Amino acid sequence: MTKEEVKIFLEVGKLAASIATPIVVATLGILLLHRIEGVKALVAKQTEFHKKWAEQFFECCQGFMQALERELALLIFPRFHGHSS
């Protein structure tokens, strides 16, 4: 290879690198963005599940406390609920 051919080869290599660099960066950016969106969707789904579970647990606890209060009231104050002592 002559010096001129080496020079042309290096220029072609520089041109190829200058064209490939933005393409590689864009591809990596798109892949990263896709991965981030997937993680965000998973976190949102898990958060929604935990929120729904907590709401249902709270409602269940409220129902239990109301039932417990009623039973305790019947045990402590039976005459107020139609029972005679």
Protein backbone atom coordinates (compact mmCIF):
# COMPACT_ATOMS: atom_id res chain seq x y z
CA MET A 1 0.00 0.00 0.00
CA THR A 2 1.24 3.42 -0.90
CA LYS A 3 1.05 6.45 1.32
CA GLU A 4 -1.77 7.81 -0.79
CA GLU A 5 -3.80 4.62 -0.42
CA VAL A 6 -3.22 4.63 3.36
CA LYS A 7 -4.35 8.25 3.50
CA ILE A 8 -7.52 7.44 1.54
CA PHE A 9 -8.13 4.40 3.76
CA LEU A 10 -7.79 6.55 6.92
CA GLU A 11 -10.12 9.20 5.48
CA VAL A 12 -12.71 6.55 4.67
CA GLY A 13 -12.30 5.17 8.20
CA LYS A 14 -12.80 8.64 9.70
CA LEU A 15 -15.89 9.17 7.54
CA ALA A 16 -17.30 5.78 8.55
CA ALA A 17 -16.61 6.53 12.23
CA SER A 18 -18.23 9.96 11.98
CA ILE A 19 -21.32 8.39 10.40
CA ALA A 20 -21.44 5.38 12.76
CA THR A 21 -21.00 7.36 16.00
CA PRO A 22 -24.38 9.15 15.96
CA ILE A 23 -26.10 5.95 14.83
CA VAL A 24 -24.56 3.97 17.70
CA VAL A 25 -25.36 6.71 20.21
CA ALA A 26 -28.96 6.95 18.96
CA THR A 27 -29.37 3.16 19.09
CA LEU A 28 -28.00 3.00 22.64
CA GLY A 29 -30.23 5.91 23.64
CA ILE A 30 -33.32 4.21 22.23
CA LEU A 31 -32.45 0.94 23.97
CA LEU A 32 -31.85 2.75 27.25
CA LEU A 33 -35.07 4.72 26.91
CA HIS A 34 -37.00 1.51 26.18
CA ARG A 35 -35.49 -0.14 29.28
CA ILE A 36 -36.28 2.88 31.47
CA GLU A 37 -39.89 2.93 30.27
CA GLY A 38 -40.18 -0.79 31.06
CA VAL A 39 -38.87 -0.23 34.58
CA LYS A 40 -41.22 2.72 35.07
CA ALA A 41 -44.19 0.61 33.97
CA LEU A 42 -43.18 -2.19 36.33
CA VAL A 43 -42.79 0.20 39.25
CA ALA A 44 -46.17 1.79 38.50
CA LYS A 45 -47.80 -1.64 38.37
CA GLN A 46 -46.22 -2.70 41.66
CA THR A 47 -47.11 0.61 43.28
CA GLU A 48 -50.73 0.26 42.16
CA PHE A 49 -50.84 -3.29 43.54
CA HIS A 50 -49.47 -2.18 46.91
CA LYS A 51 -51.84 0.79 47.04
CA LYS A 52 -54.86 -1.40 46.26
CA TRP A 53 -53.74 -4.04 48.77
CA ALA A 54 -53.29 -1.38 51.48
CA GLU A 55 -56.73 0.09 50.79
CA GLN A 56 -58.39 -3.32 51.00
CA PHE A 57 -56.44 -4.19 54.16
CA PHE A 58 -57.50 -0.91 55.77
CA GLU A 59 -61.16 -1.56 54.87
CA CYS A 60 -60.91 -5.07 56.29
CA CYS A 61 -59.37 -3.73 59.51
CA GLN A 62 -62.12 -1.13 59.82
CA GLY A 63 -64.78 -3.83 59.42
CA PHE A 64 -63.04 -5.98 62.01
CA MET A 65 -62.80 -3.09 64.47
CA GLN A 66 -66.48 -2.23 64.00
CA ALA A 67 -67.49 -5.85 64.58
CA LEU A 68 -65.23 -6.02 67.63
CA GLU A 69 -66.64 -2.79 69.05
CA ARG A 70 -70.18 -4.10 68.58
CA GLU A 71 -69.39 -7.40 70.29
CA LEU A 72 -67.67 -5.64 73.18
CA ALA A 73 -70.59 -3.26 73.53
CA LEU A 74 -72.97 -6.24 73.66
CA LEU A 75 -70.85 -7.90 76.32
CA ILE A 76 -70.42 -4.78 78.45
CA PHE A 77 -73.84 -3.16 77.98
CA PRO A 78 -76.31 -5.98 77.24
CA ARG A 79 -79.37 -4.07 78.60
CA PHE A 80 -79.02 -1.34 75.92
CA HIS A 81 -79.28 -3.89 73.12
CA GLY A 82 -82.54 -5.59 74.06
CA HIS A 83 -81.05 -8.12 76.43
CA SER A 84 -82.15 -8.28 80.04
CA SER A 85 -79.79 -8.89 82.94
